[in-house]
Amino acid sequence: MKRAVVLLSGGLDSATVLAAMTRDGFRCHTLSFNYGQRQKIELTRAAELARTLGAVEHREATIDLRAFGGSALTADIAVPKDRDENAISHGVPITYVPARNTIFLAHALAYAETLNACDIAIGVNAIDYSGYPDCRPEFIAAFETLANLATKAGTEGGARFTIHTPLQTLSKAGIVRLALELGVPVGRTLSCYDPSISGEPCAHCDACILRRKGFAEAGAVDR
C-alpha cells in the first residue's frame, strides 16, 4: 500500500478526502494545523476523524498566521454572515487566509518527503466554494510542478509527486453524497467559520450556508 499525506481540517470536505484516499488503497498520514484560527475545536474534530476513518498516523503542526492577520479567521475581523449565494460566489471573501493552502501544502510536502511518500491529498473544490484563489485547479497544477522541482526526492530520487483533489469538480451536494457513501460521520465534521467553543455551528456564515445547501440538494440529513 502506498503512503499518502492527507490535509485534515476537521471539516466535511477533508474528512471525505481521507475516506476516499483510504478507499483507494492508500495508507493515510493526516496533518492538521494550529495556525491561530478562531475555531480551535476543529483540531479536536480532526484528531477524532483521523482515528475514526483509519489514518495510520495523525500529526498537528503549529504555525501562527496571526502574525500576518488579514483574515476574519486569524484577526479581529467579523466573519460575514447571511450572505446570499450571489455574494458568496463572487469575489474573494475576508475569510480567505492569505496563502494558506500554499503554506499547508508546503508542510505536507515536507512531511511526505520524510515518509518517502509521493502522494498528497487536499479537499479543495472549484464548484460550490467561496472564491478562494488557492482552491483552483491552476493552483494545484502549479504546486504539483513546484513539488517535483523543489525536493530532493523529485530531483535526485526519481519521485513523482501527485497532488490529489478528489473533490475538485464536485458540487457540495456531490461531496455530501460521496461522504455518506464512504461512511464519513458527517455529524462530527465541522465546517463553520465561527462556531461556539463547544463546536456548535453558527448557521449563518458562508461555510454553513454552503453546507446546508449541499445537504438539502443531496436530500440528506446533516447528522
N, C-alpha and C. Protein backbone atom coordinates (compact mmCIF):
# COMPACT_ATOMS: atom_id res chain seq x y z
N MET A 1 0.84 -1.19 0.00
CA MET A 1 0.00 0.00 0.00
C MET A 1 0.87 1.25 0.00
N LYS A 2 0.57 2.19 -0.86
CA LYS A 2 1.32 3.44 -0.91
C LYS A 2 0.90 4.36 0.23
N ARG A 3 1.85 5.16 0.69
CA ARG A 3 1.56 6.15 1.73
C ARG A 3 1.07 7.44 1.08
N ALA A 4 0.23 8.15 1.80
CA ALA A 4 -0.22 9.47 1.35
C ALA A 4 -0.35 10.39 2.56
N VAL A 5 -0.06 11.65 2.35
CA VAL A 5 -0.31 12.67 3.37
C VAL A 5 -1.63 13.35 3.00
N VAL A 6 -2.56 13.37 3.95
CA VAL A 6 -3.88 13.97 3.73
C VAL A 6 -4.04 15.16 4.66
N LEU A 7 -4.29 16.33 4.09
CA LEU A 7 -4.56 17.51 4.91
C LEU A 7 -5.97 17.38 5.49
N LEU A 8 -6.07 17.43 6.81
CA LEU A 8 -7.33 17.17 7.50
C LEU A 8 -7.65 18.32 8.45
N SER A 9 -8.71 19.06 8.13
CA SER A 9 -9.07 20.23 8.93
C SER A 9 -10.11 19.92 10.00
N GLY A 10 -10.80 18.82 9.86
CA GLY A 10 -11.94 18.53 10.72
C GLY A 10 -13.26 18.85 10.06
N GLY A 11 -13.20 19.37 8.83
CA GLY A 11 -14.41 19.70 8.09
C GLY A 11 -14.91 18.55 7.22
N LEU A 12 -16.06 18.74 6.63
CA LEU A 12 -16.68 17.71 5.80
C LEU A 12 -15.81 17.35 4.60
N ASP A 13 -15.27 18.36 3.93
CA ASP A 13 -14.53 18.09 2.70
C ASP A 13 -13.26 17.28 2.96
N SER A 14 -12.47 17.69 3.92
CA SER A 14 -11.21 16.99 4.16
C SER A 14 -11.44 15.59 4.71
N ALA A 15 -12.49 15.42 5.52
CA ALA A 15 -12.82 14.08 6.02
C ALA A 15 -13.22 13.16 4.87
N THR A 16 -13.95 13.71 3.90
CA THR A 16 -14.34 12.92 2.74
C THR A 16 -13.14 12.54 1.90
N VAL A 17 -12.17 13.46 1.79
CA VAL A 17 -10.93 13.15 1.07
C VAL A 17 -10.19 12.01 1.76
N LEU A 18 -10.09 12.05 3.09
CA LEU A 18 -9.43 10.97 3.82
C LEU A 18 -10.11 9.64 3.55
N ALA A 19 -11.43 9.62 3.60
CA ALA A 19 -12.17 8.38 3.34
C ALA A 19 -11.95 7.89 1.92
N ALA A 20 -11.90 8.82 0.96
CA ALA A 20 -11.71 8.45 -0.44
C ALA A 20 -10.31 7.90 -0.69
N MET A 21 -9.31 8.50 -0.09
CA MET A 21 -7.94 8.04 -0.28
C MET A 21 -7.75 6.66 0.37
N THR A 22 -8.37 6.45 1.52
CA THR A 22 -8.31 5.14 2.17
C THR A 22 -8.99 4.09 1.30
N ARG A 23 -10.14 4.43 0.75
CA ARG A 23 -10.84 3.53 -0.16
C ARG A 23 -9.97 3.15 -1.36
N ASP A 24 -9.19 4.10 -1.81
CA ASP A 24 -8.36 3.88 -2.99
C ASP A 24 -7.04 3.16 -2.68
N GLY A 25 -6.90 2.71 -1.45
CA GLY A 25 -5.78 1.85 -1.12
C GLY A 25 -4.56 2.52 -0.52
N PHE A 26 -4.66 3.77 -0.11
CA PHE A 26 -3.52 4.48 0.48
C PHE A 26 -3.48 4.29 2.00
N ARG A 27 -2.27 4.20 2.52
CA ARG A 27 -2.05 4.30 3.96
C ARG A 27 -1.92 5.79 4.27
N CYS A 28 -2.91 6.34 4.94
CA CYS A 28 -3.02 7.80 5.07
C CYS A 28 -2.43 8.32 6.38
N HIS A 29 -1.54 9.29 6.22
CA HIS A 29 -0.99 10.03 7.35
C HIS A 29 -1.63 11.41 7.30
N THR A 30 -2.40 11.75 8.32
CA THR A 30 -3.14 13.01 8.29
C THR A 30 -2.36 14.12 8.99
N LEU A 31 -2.60 15.34 8.50
CA LEU A 31 -1.89 16.51 9.00
C LEU A 31 -2.86 17.67 9.19
N SER A 32 -2.91 18.19 10.40
CA SER A 32 -3.75 19.35 10.72
C SER A 32 -2.85 20.49 11.20
N PHE A 33 -3.43 21.70 11.24
CA PHE A 33 -2.65 22.87 11.61
C PHE A 33 -3.35 23.71 12.68
N ASN A 34 -2.59 24.01 13.71
CA ASN A 34 -3.00 25.03 14.66
C ASN A 34 -2.32 26.31 14.17
N TYR A 35 -3.05 27.08 13.37
CA TYR A 35 -2.44 28.23 12.70
C TYR A 35 -2.92 29.57 13.24
N GLY A 36 -3.56 29.53 14.41
CA GLY A 36 -4.06 30.76 15.00
C GLY A 36 -5.51 31.02 14.65
N GLN A 37 -6.18 29.99 14.11
CA GLN A 37 -7.58 30.14 13.73
C GLN A 37 -8.49 30.29 14.94
N ARG A 38 -9.62 30.95 14.73
CA ARG A 38 -10.55 31.16 15.85
C ARG A 38 -11.27 29.87 16.23
N GLN A 39 -11.41 28.93 15.28
CA GLN A 39 -12.18 27.72 15.54
C GLN A 39 -11.28 26.55 15.95
N LYS A 40 -10.67 26.65 17.15
CA LYS A 40 -9.75 25.62 17.61
C LYS A 40 -10.43 24.25 17.77
N ILE A 41 -11.74 24.24 17.96
CA ILE A 41 -12.46 22.98 18.12
C ILE A 41 -12.26 22.08 16.91
N GLU A 42 -11.96 22.66 15.75
CA GLU A 42 -11.77 21.85 14.55
C GLU A 42 -10.58 20.90 14.71
N LEU A 43 -9.59 21.26 15.53
CA LEU A 43 -8.44 20.41 15.73
C LEU A 43 -8.81 19.14 16.49
N THR A 44 -9.70 19.29 17.45
CA THR A 44 -10.20 18.13 18.19
C THR A 44 -10.97 17.21 17.25
N ARG A 45 -11.80 17.82 16.39
CA ARG A 45 -12.57 17.02 15.44
C ARG A 45 -11.65 16.31 14.44
N ALA A 46 -10.60 16.99 14.01
CA ALA A 46 -9.68 16.39 13.05
C ALA A 46 -9.03 15.14 13.63
N ALA A 47 -8.56 15.24 14.86
CA ALA A 47 -7.93 14.08 15.50
C ALA A 47 -8.93 12.93 15.64
N GLU A 48 -10.16 13.26 16.00
CA GLU A 48 -11.21 12.25 16.13
C GLU A 48 -11.50 11.58 14.79
N LEU A 49 -11.62 12.38 13.74
CA LEU A 49 -11.91 11.84 12.41
C LEU A 49 -10.77 10.99 11.88
N ALA A 50 -9.53 11.39 12.19
CA ALA A 50 -8.38 10.59 11.77
C ALA A 50 -8.47 9.18 12.35
N ARG A 51 -8.82 9.09 13.63
CA ARG A 51 -8.97 7.78 14.26
C ARG A 51 -10.13 7.00 13.66
N THR A 52 -11.26 7.68 13.52
CA THR A 52 -12.47 7.02 13.04
C THR A 52 -12.32 6.49 11.62
N LEU A 53 -11.64 7.27 10.78
CA LEU A 53 -11.55 6.93 9.36
C LEU A 53 -10.27 6.18 8.99
N GLY A 54 -9.54 5.73 10.00
CA GLY A 54 -8.46 4.79 9.75
C GLY A 54 -7.12 5.34 9.35
N ALA A 55 -6.82 6.59 9.68
CA ALA A 55 -5.48 7.10 9.40
C ALA A 55 -4.46 6.31 10.20
N VAL A 56 -3.30 6.04 9.60
CA VAL A 56 -2.27 5.28 10.31
C VAL A 56 -1.50 6.17 11.28
N GLU A 57 -1.56 7.47 11.07
CA GLU A 57 -0.89 8.43 11.94
C GLU A 57 -1.54 9.79 11.75
N HIS A 58 -1.65 10.54 12.84
CA HIS A 58 -2.18 11.91 12.75
C HIS A 58 -1.21 12.85 13.43
N ARG A 59 -0.87 13.93 12.75
CA ARG A 59 0.02 14.94 13.33
C ARG A 59 -0.63 16.31 13.25
N GLU A 60 -0.26 17.15 14.23
CA GLU A 60 -0.74 18.54 14.26
C GLU A 60 0.48 19.46 14.27
N ALA A 61 0.59 20.33 13.29
CA ALA A 61 1.69 21.28 13.21
C ALA A 61 1.19 22.66 13.66
N THR A 62 2.07 23.41 14.30
CA THR A 62 1.72 24.74 14.78
C THR A 62 2.46 25.80 13.97
N ILE A 63 1.70 26.68 13.36
CA ILE A 63 2.24 27.84 12.65
C ILE A 63 1.30 29.00 12.96
N ASP A 64 1.82 30.15 13.30
CA ASP A 64 0.96 31.24 13.76
C ASP A 64 0.73 32.27 12.67
N LEU A 65 -0.34 32.09 11.91
CA LEU A 65 -0.66 33.04 10.85
C LEU A 65 -1.29 34.31 11.39
N ARG A 66 -1.52 34.38 12.69
CA ARG A 66 -1.97 35.64 13.30
C ARG A 66 -0.88 36.70 13.20
N ALA A 67 0.35 36.28 13.00
CA ALA A 67 1.44 37.24 12.85
C ALA A 67 1.23 38.15 11.66
N PHE A 68 0.44 37.66 10.68
CA PHE A 68 0.17 38.45 9.48
C PHE A 68 -1.27 38.96 9.45
N GLY A 69 -2.20 38.20 10.04
CA GLY A 69 -3.61 38.62 10.04
C GLY A 69 -4.18 38.66 8.65
N GLY A 70 -5.01 39.67 8.41
CA GLY A 70 -5.57 39.87 7.08
C GLY A 70 -6.75 38.99 6.75
N SER A 71 -7.26 38.26 7.74
CA SER A 71 -8.39 37.35 7.51
C SER A 71 -9.30 37.36 8.73
N ALA A 72 -10.58 37.13 8.50
CA ALA A 72 -11.53 37.02 9.61
C ALA A 72 -11.28 35.77 10.45
N LEU A 73 -10.48 34.83 9.92
CA LEU A 73 -10.19 33.62 10.68
C LEU A 73 -8.95 33.75 11.55
N THR A 74 -8.13 34.78 11.31
CA THR A 74 -6.88 34.93 12.06
C THR A 74 -6.69 36.32 12.67
N ALA A 75 -7.68 37.18 12.54
CA ALA A 75 -7.57 38.54 13.08
C ALA A 75 -8.92 38.95 13.66
N ASP A 76 -8.92 40.08 14.33
CA ASP A 76 -10.14 40.57 14.97
C ASP A 76 -11.02 41.27 13.92
N ILE A 77 -11.53 40.45 13.00
CA ILE A 77 -12.38 40.91 11.92
C ILE A 77 -13.65 40.05 11.94
N ALA A 78 -14.81 40.66 11.80
CA ALA A 78 -16.06 39.91 11.86
C ALA A 78 -16.19 38.95 10.69
N VAL A 79 -16.67 37.75 10.98
CA VAL A 79 -16.98 36.78 9.94
C VAL A 79 -18.28 37.20 9.25
N PRO A 80 -18.30 37.32 7.92
CA PRO A 80 -19.53 37.71 7.23
C PRO A 80 -20.65 36.70 7.49
N LYS A 81 -21.85 37.20 7.67
CA LYS A 81 -22.99 36.33 7.96
C LYS A 81 -24.15 36.64 7.02
N ASP A 82 -24.94 35.61 6.74
CA ASP A 82 -26.20 35.72 6.00
C ASP A 82 -26.04 36.33 4.61
N ARG A 83 -24.95 36.02 3.93
CA ARG A 83 -24.77 36.48 2.55
C ARG A 83 -25.56 35.57 1.62
N ASP A 84 -26.07 36.15 0.53
CA ASP A 84 -26.81 35.32 -0.43
C ASP A 84 -25.83 34.59 -1.36
N GLU A 85 -26.34 33.65 -2.14
CA GLU A 85 -25.49 32.81 -2.99
C GLU A 85 -24.70 33.64 -3.99
N ASN A 86 -25.30 34.71 -4.50
CA ASN A 86 -24.61 35.54 -5.48
C ASN A 86 -23.39 36.21 -4.85
N ALA A 87 -23.55 36.71 -3.63
CA ALA A 87 -22.43 37.36 -2.94
C ALA A 87 -21.34 36.35 -2.61
N ILE A 88 -21.74 35.15 -2.20
CA ILE A 88 -20.77 34.12 -1.84
C ILE A 88 -19.94 33.70 -3.05
N SER A 89 -20.57 33.66 -4.22
CA SER A 89 -19.90 33.13 -5.41
C SER A 89 -19.08 34.17 -6.17
N HIS A 90 -19.07 35.42 -5.71
CA HIS A 90 -18.30 36.46 -6.41
C HIS A 90 -17.29 37.11 -5.46
N GLY A 91 -16.06 37.19 -5.94
CA GLY A 91 -15.03 37.85 -5.16
C GLY A 91 -14.42 36.95 -4.10
N VAL A 92 -13.31 37.40 -3.56
CA VAL A 92 -12.61 36.67 -2.51
C VAL A 92 -13.03 37.25 -1.16
N PRO A 93 -13.66 36.46 -0.30
CA PRO A 93 -14.18 36.99 0.96
C PRO A 93 -13.09 37.21 2.01
N ILE A 94 -13.44 37.91 3.06
CA ILE A 94 -12.50 38.24 4.12
C ILE A 94 -12.11 37.01 4.94
N THR A 95 -12.81 35.88 4.75
CA THR A 95 -12.43 34.64 5.42
C THR A 95 -11.26 33.94 4.72
N TYR A 96 -10.85 34.46 3.56
CA TYR A 96 -9.66 33.94 2.89
C TYR A 96 -8.44 34.22 3.77
N VAL A 97 -7.66 33.18 4.05
CA VAL A 97 -6.42 33.34 4.82
C VAL A 97 -5.27 33.41 3.82
N PRO A 98 -4.56 34.54 3.74
CA PRO A 98 -3.53 34.72 2.73
C PRO A 98 -2.54 33.55 2.64
N ALA A 99 -2.48 32.96 1.44
CA ALA A 99 -1.52 31.90 1.10
C ALA A 99 -1.69 30.62 1.93
N ARG A 100 -2.83 30.43 2.58
CA ARG A 100 -2.97 29.30 3.50
C ARG A 100 -2.74 27.94 2.84
N ASN A 101 -3.36 27.68 1.69
CA ASN A 101 -3.17 26.37 1.07
C ASN A 101 -1.75 26.18 0.57
N THR A 102 -1.10 27.26 0.15
CA THR A 102 0.30 27.16 -0.24
C THR A 102 1.15 26.74 0.95
N ILE A 103 0.89 27.36 2.10
CA ILE A 103 1.63 27.05 3.32
C ILE A 103 1.34 25.61 3.78
N PHE A 104 0.07 25.23 3.77
CA PHE A 104 -0.31 23.89 4.20
C PHE A 104 0.30 22.82 3.29
N LEU A 105 0.22 23.05 1.98
CA LEU A 105 0.77 22.06 1.06
C LEU A 105 2.29 21.98 1.17
N ALA A 106 2.94 23.09 1.45
CA ALA A 106 4.39 23.05 1.63
C ALA A 106 4.76 22.18 2.83
N HIS A 107 4.02 22.31 3.91
CA HIS A 107 4.26 21.45 5.07
C HIS A 107 3.96 19.99 4.74
N ALA A 108 2.87 19.75 4.03
CA ALA A 108 2.52 18.39 3.64
C ALA A 108 3.59 17.78 2.75
N LEU A 109 4.18 18.60 1.89
CA LEU A 109 5.24 18.13 1.01
C LEU A 109 6.47 17.72 1.83
N ALA A 110 6.83 18.53 2.81
CA ALA A 110 7.97 18.19 3.67
C ALA A 110 7.71 16.89 4.43
N TYR A 111 6.51 16.75 4.95
CA TYR A 111 6.11 15.53 5.67
C TYR A 111 6.17 14.33 4.73
N ALA A 112 5.62 14.49 3.54
CA ALA A 112 5.61 13.39 2.56
C ALA A 112 7.02 12.96 2.22
N GLU A 113 7.92 13.90 2.07
CA GLU A 113 9.29 13.54 1.69
C GLU A 113 9.97 12.73 2.79
N THR A 114 9.67 13.02 4.05
CA THR A 114 10.25 12.23 5.15
C THR A 114 9.66 10.83 5.21
N LEU A 115 8.48 10.65 4.65
CA LEU A 115 7.81 9.34 4.65
C LEU A 115 8.12 8.53 3.39
N ASN A 116 8.89 9.12 2.48
CA ASN A 116 9.09 8.51 1.16
C ASN A 116 7.74 8.30 0.46
N ALA A 117 6.87 9.25 0.66
CA ALA A 117 5.54 9.22 0.02
C ALA A 117 5.51 10.23 -1.11
N CYS A 118 4.81 9.89 -2.17
CA CYS A 118 4.72 10.78 -3.33
C CYS A 118 3.32 11.34 -3.53
N ASP A 119 2.41 11.04 -2.61
CA ASP A 119 1.02 11.42 -2.79
C ASP A 119 0.54 12.30 -1.65
N ILE A 120 -0.08 13.41 -2.02
CA ILE A 120 -0.63 14.38 -1.06
C ILE A 120 -2.06 14.67 -1.48
N ALA A 121 -2.96 14.73 -0.51
CA ALA A 121 -4.37 14.97 -0.83
C ALA A 121 -4.92 16.16 -0.06
N ILE A 122 -5.75 16.93 -0.74
CA ILE A 122 -6.33 18.15 -0.15
C ILE A 122 -7.78 18.29 -0.64
N GLY A 123 -8.64 18.83 0.21
CA GLY A 123 -10.06 18.90 -0.10
C GLY A 123 -10.52 20.16 -0.78
N VAL A 124 -9.75 20.66 -1.75
CA VAL A 124 -10.17 21.87 -2.46
C VAL A 124 -11.30 21.56 -3.43
N ASN A 125 -12.07 22.59 -3.73
CA ASN A 125 -13.23 22.44 -4.61
C ASN A 125 -13.42 23.74 -5.39
N ALA A 126 -13.76 23.62 -6.65
CA ALA A 126 -13.90 24.82 -7.51
C ALA A 126 -15.31 25.00 -8.03
N ILE A 127 -16.28 24.34 -7.41
CA ILE A 127 -17.68 24.46 -7.86
C ILE A 127 -18.49 25.26 -6.84
N ASP A 128 -18.89 24.61 -5.74
CA ASP A 128 -19.59 25.31 -4.66
C ASP A 128 -18.58 25.71 -3.59
N TYR A 129 -17.96 26.86 -3.75
CA TYR A 129 -16.94 27.30 -2.80
C TYR A 129 -17.00 28.83 -2.69
N SER A 130 -16.18 29.38 -1.82
CA SER A 130 -16.27 30.82 -1.52
C SER A 130 -15.30 31.69 -2.31
N GLY A 131 -14.80 31.21 -3.43
CA GLY A 131 -13.99 32.06 -4.29
C GLY A 131 -12.53 32.14 -3.94
N TYR A 132 -12.02 31.21 -3.14
CA TYR A 132 -10.62 31.26 -2.75
C TYR A 132 -9.72 30.93 -3.95
N PRO A 133 -8.73 31.76 -4.24
CA PRO A 133 -7.87 31.51 -5.41
C PRO A 133 -7.02 30.26 -5.26
N ASP A 134 -6.74 29.85 -4.02
CA ASP A 134 -5.90 28.66 -3.81
C ASP A 134 -6.71 27.37 -3.74
N CYS A 135 -7.91 27.41 -4.31
CA CYS A 135 -8.72 26.20 -4.48
C CYS A 135 -8.86 25.84 -5.96
N ARG A 136 -8.29 26.63 -6.84
CA ARG A 136 -8.47 26.43 -8.29
C ARG A 136 -7.54 25.35 -8.83
N PRO A 137 -7.97 24.66 -9.88
CA PRO A 137 -7.12 23.62 -10.50
C PRO A 137 -5.77 24.17 -10.94
N GLU A 138 -5.74 25.42 -11.41
CA GLU A 138 -4.48 26.01 -11.87
C GLU A 138 -3.45 26.08 -10.73
N PHE A 139 -3.94 26.40 -9.54
CA PHE A 139 -3.04 26.47 -8.39
C PHE A 139 -2.49 25.09 -8.04
N ILE A 140 -3.37 24.10 -8.03
CA ILE A 140 -2.95 22.74 -7.69
C ILE A 140 -1.92 22.24 -8.69
N ALA A 141 -2.17 22.47 -9.98
CA ALA A 141 -1.21 22.04 -11.01
C ALA A 141 0.13 22.73 -10.83
N ALA A 142 0.11 24.02 -10.50
CA ALA A 142 1.35 24.77 -10.31
C ALA A 142 2.11 24.25 -9.09
N PHE A 143 1.39 23.93 -8.02
CA PHE A 143 2.07 23.43 -6.83
C PHE A 143 2.66 22.05 -7.09
N GLU A 144 1.97 21.23 -7.84
CA GLU A 144 2.50 19.90 -8.17
C GLU A 144 3.81 20.02 -8.95
N THR A 145 3.85 20.98 -9.87
CA THR A 145 5.09 21.23 -10.61
C THR A 145 6.19 21.66 -9.65
N LEU A 146 5.87 22.58 -8.75
CA LEU A 146 6.82 23.04 -7.75
C LEU A 146 7.35 21.88 -6.91
N ALA A 147 6.45 21.00 -6.48
CA ALA A 147 6.84 19.88 -5.62
C ALA A 147 7.90 19.01 -6.27
N ASN A 148 7.78 18.84 -7.57
CA ASN A 148 8.72 17.98 -8.28
C ASN A 148 10.02 18.68 -8.65
N LEU A 149 10.02 20.02 -8.54
CA LEU A 149 11.23 20.78 -8.82
C LEU A 149 12.00 21.15 -7.56
N ALA A 150 11.33 21.18 -6.42
CA ALA A 150 11.89 21.79 -5.22
C ALA A 150 12.28 20.80 -4.13
N THR A 151 12.29 19.50 -4.44
CA THR A 151 12.58 18.50 -3.43
C THR A 151 13.74 17.61 -3.88
N LYS A 152 14.45 17.07 -2.90
CA LYS A 152 15.49 16.09 -3.19
C LYS A 152 14.89 14.85 -3.82
N ALA A 153 13.72 14.44 -3.28
CA ALA A 153 13.07 13.24 -3.81
C ALA A 153 12.69 13.41 -5.28
N GLY A 154 12.28 14.62 -5.63
CA GLY A 154 11.86 14.86 -7.01
C GLY A 154 13.00 15.07 -7.98
N THR A 155 14.09 15.66 -7.50
CA THR A 155 15.20 15.99 -8.41
C THR A 155 16.28 14.93 -8.45
N GLU A 156 16.46 14.17 -7.34
CA GLU A 156 17.51 13.15 -7.31
C GLU A 156 16.98 11.75 -7.08
N GLY A 157 15.82 11.65 -6.44
CA GLY A 157 15.32 10.33 -6.06
C GLY A 157 14.39 9.68 -7.05
N GLY A 158 14.07 10.38 -8.11
CA GLY A 158 13.18 9.80 -9.10
C GLY A 158 11.72 9.79 -8.71
N ALA A 159 11.38 10.49 -7.63
CA ALA A 159 9.99 10.54 -7.18
C ALA A 159 9.17 11.43 -8.11
N ARG A 160 7.89 11.13 -8.17
CA ARG A 160 6.96 11.98 -8.91
C ARG A 160 5.78 12.28 -7.99
N PHE A 161 5.78 13.50 -7.45
CA PHE A 161 4.73 13.89 -6.52
C PHE A 161 3.41 14.16 -7.25
N THR A 162 2.33 13.72 -6.63
CA THR A 162 0.99 13.96 -7.16
C THR A 162 0.14 14.60 -6.08
N ILE A 163 -0.53 15.69 -6.42
CA ILE A 163 -1.49 16.33 -5.50
C ILE A 163 -2.88 15.84 -5.88
N HIS A 164 -3.50 15.09 -5.00
CA HIS A 164 -4.84 14.53 -5.26
C HIS A 164 -5.91 15.50 -4.78
N THR A 165 -6.88 15.75 -5.64
CA THR A 165 -8.00 16.65 -5.30
C THR A 165 -9.31 15.96 -5.70
N PRO A 166 -9.71 14.92 -4.99
CA PRO A 166 -10.88 14.14 -5.40
C PRO A 166 -12.20 14.89 -5.38
N LEU A 167 -12.24 16.05 -4.74
CA LEU A 167 -13.49 16.82 -4.67
C LEU A 167 -13.50 18.00 -5.63
N GLN A 168 -12.45 18.16 -6.41
CA GLN A 168 -12.24 19.38 -7.20
C GLN A 168 -13.45 19.77 -8.04
N THR A 169 -14.08 18.83 -8.69
CA THR A 169 -15.17 19.16 -9.62
C THR A 169 -16.54 18.73 -9.12
N LEU A 170 -16.64 18.42 -7.84
CA LEU A 170 -17.93 18.02 -7.28
C LEU A 170 -18.69 19.23 -6.73
N SER A 171 -19.99 19.21 -6.87
CA SER A 171 -20.82 20.20 -6.17
C SER A 171 -20.82 19.84 -4.70
N LYS A 172 -21.30 20.75 -3.86
CA LYS A 172 -21.38 20.44 -2.43
C LYS A 172 -22.32 19.26 -2.20
N ALA A 173 -23.38 19.18 -2.98
CA ALA A 173 -24.29 18.03 -2.87
C ALA A 173 -23.56 16.75 -3.25
N GLY A 174 -22.72 16.82 -4.26
CA GLY A 174 -21.94 15.65 -4.66
C GLY A 174 -20.98 15.22 -3.57
N ILE A 175 -20.39 16.18 -2.87
CA ILE A 175 -19.49 15.88 -1.76
C ILE A 175 -20.27 15.21 -0.64
N VAL A 176 -21.45 15.72 -0.34
CA VAL A 176 -22.28 15.12 0.70
C VAL A 176 -22.61 13.67 0.35
N ARG A 177 -23.01 13.44 -0.89
CA ARG A 177 -23.36 12.07 -1.31
C ARG A 177 -22.15 11.14 -1.19
N LEU A 178 -20.99 11.62 -1.60
CA LEU A 178 -19.78 10.81 -1.51
C LEU A 178 -19.42 10.52 -0.06
N ALA A 179 -19.54 11.53 0.79
CA ALA A 179 -19.24 11.35 2.21
C ALA A 179 -20.11 10.26 2.81
N LEU A 180 -21.39 10.31 2.51
CA LEU A 180 -22.31 9.32 3.06
C LEU A 180 -22.03 7.94 2.49
N GLU A 181 -21.70 7.88 1.22
CA GLU A 181 -21.37 6.60 0.57
C GLU A 181 -20.14 5.96 1.21
N LEU A 182 -19.18 6.80 1.62
CA LEU A 182 -17.94 6.30 2.19
C LEU A 182 -18.00 6.11 3.70
N GLY A 183 -19.13 6.40 4.30
CA GLY A 183 -19.29 6.20 5.73
C GLY A 183 -18.67 7.26 6.61
N VAL A 184 -18.50 8.46 6.09
CA VAL A 184 -17.97 9.56 6.89
C VAL A 184 -19.00 9.95 7.95
N PRO A 185 -18.61 10.07 9.22
CA PRO A 185 -19.56 10.51 10.25
C PRO A 185 -19.79 12.02 10.12
N VAL A 186 -20.65 12.39 9.19
CA VAL A 186 -20.79 13.81 8.83
C VAL A 186 -21.17 14.68 10.01
N GLY A 187 -21.90 14.13 10.97
CA GLY A 187 -22.30 14.91 12.13
C GLY A 187 -21.15 15.31 13.03
N ARG A 188 -20.00 14.67 12.87
CA ARG A 188 -18.83 15.00 13.67
C ARG A 188 -17.89 15.94 12.94
N THR A 189 -18.19 16.26 11.69
CA THR A 189 -17.36 17.21 10.95
C THR A 189 -17.81 18.63 11.27
N LEU A 190 -16.89 19.57 11.15
CA LEU A 190 -17.20 20.97 11.48
C LEU A 190 -16.72 21.87 10.36
N SER A 191 -17.66 22.51 9.66
CA SER A 191 -17.32 23.37 8.54
C SER A 191 -17.38 24.85 8.88
N CYS A 192 -18.01 25.18 9.99
CA CYS A 192 -18.33 26.57 10.34
C CYS A 192 -17.09 27.43 10.55
N TYR A 193 -17.16 28.70 10.10
CA TYR A 193 -16.09 29.67 10.29
C TYR A 193 -16.14 30.33 11.67
N ASP A 194 -17.27 30.23 12.35
CA ASP A 194 -17.44 30.95 13.62
C ASP A 194 -18.24 30.11 14.61
N PRO A 195 -17.77 28.90 14.92
CA PRO A 195 -18.53 28.03 15.82
C PRO A 195 -18.41 28.47 17.27
N SER A 196 -19.28 27.92 18.11
CA SER A 196 -19.17 28.15 19.55
C SER A 196 -17.98 27.36 20.08
N ILE A 197 -17.62 27.61 21.32
CA ILE A 197 -16.49 26.90 21.93
C ILE A 197 -16.74 25.41 21.95
N SER A 198 -18.01 25.01 22.09
CA SER A 198 -18.35 23.58 22.13
C SER A 198 -18.49 22.97 20.74
N GLY A 199 -18.37 23.80 19.70
CA GLY A 199 -18.42 23.27 18.34
C GLY A 199 -19.76 23.36 17.65
N GLU A 200 -20.68 24.13 18.21
CA GLU A 200 -21.97 24.31 17.55
C GLU A 200 -21.80 25.31 16.39
N PRO A 201 -22.22 24.95 15.18
CA PRO A 201 -22.07 25.87 14.04
C PRO A 201 -22.95 27.09 14.19
N CYS A 202 -22.49 28.22 13.63
CA CYS A 202 -23.25 29.46 13.75
C CYS A 202 -24.50 29.47 12.87
N ALA A 203 -24.48 28.68 11.78
CA ALA A 203 -25.60 28.54 10.83
C ALA A 203 -25.77 29.75 9.92
N HIS A 204 -24.88 30.75 10.00
CA HIS A 204 -25.05 31.97 9.22
C HIS A 204 -23.86 32.35 8.35
N CYS A 205 -22.69 31.75 8.58
CA CYS A 205 -21.52 32.10 7.77
C CYS A 205 -21.59 31.42 6.40
N ASP A 206 -20.69 31.81 5.51
CA ASP A 206 -20.71 31.24 4.15
C ASP A 206 -20.58 29.72 4.18
N ALA A 207 -19.70 29.21 5.03
CA ALA A 207 -19.47 27.77 5.07
C ALA A 207 -20.73 27.03 5.53
N CYS A 208 -21.41 27.59 6.52
CA CYS A 208 -22.65 26.96 6.99
C CYS A 208 -23.73 27.00 5.92
N ILE A 209 -23.82 28.11 5.20
CA ILE A 209 -24.83 28.26 4.15
C ILE A 209 -24.56 27.27 3.02
N LEU A 210 -23.31 27.14 2.59
CA LEU A 210 -22.96 26.20 1.52
C LEU A 210 -23.19 24.76 1.96
N ARG A 211 -22.87 24.46 3.20
CA ARG A 211 -23.09 23.11 3.72
C ARG A 211 -24.58 22.79 3.76
N ARG A 212 -25.38 23.72 4.26
CA ARG A 212 -26.83 23.49 4.33
C ARG A 212 -27.40 23.27 2.93
N LYS A 213 -26.94 24.07 1.97
CA LYS A 213 -27.38 23.92 0.57
C LYS A 213 -27.00 22.54 0.04
N GLY A 214 -25.80 22.09 0.33
CA GLY A 214 -25.35 20.80 -0.15
C GLY A 214 -26.19 19.65 0.39
N PHE A 215 -26.46 19.67 1.67
CA PHE A 215 -27.28 18.60 2.25
C PHE A 215 -28.71 18.63 1.71
N ALA A 216 -29.25 19.83 1.55
CA ALA A 216 -30.61 19.95 1.01
C ALA A 216 -30.69 19.39 -0.41
N GLU A 217 -29.72 19.76 -1.25
CA GLU A 217 -29.72 19.30 -2.63
C GLU A 217 -29.44 17.81 -2.74
N ALA A 218 -28.73 17.26 -1.77
CA ALA A 218 -28.45 15.83 -1.76
C ALA A 218 -29.61 15.04 -1.16
N GLY A 219 -30.59 15.74 -0.58
CA GLY A 219 -31.71 15.06 0.07
C GLY A 219 -31.28 14.29 1.30
N ALA A 220 -30.28 14.83 2.01
CA ALA A 220 -29.70 14.13 3.15
C ALA A 220 -29.84 14.95 4.43
N VAL A 221 -29.73 14.27 5.56
CA VAL A 221 -29.82 14.92 6.86
C VAL A 221 -28.41 15.10 7.40
N ASP A 222 -28.11 16.28 7.90
CA ASP A 222 -26.79 16.61 8.41
C ASP A 222 -26.67 16.21 9.87
N ARG A 223 -26.31 14.94 10.08
CA ARG A 223 -26.17 14.48 11.46
C ARG A 223 -25.30 13.23 11.49
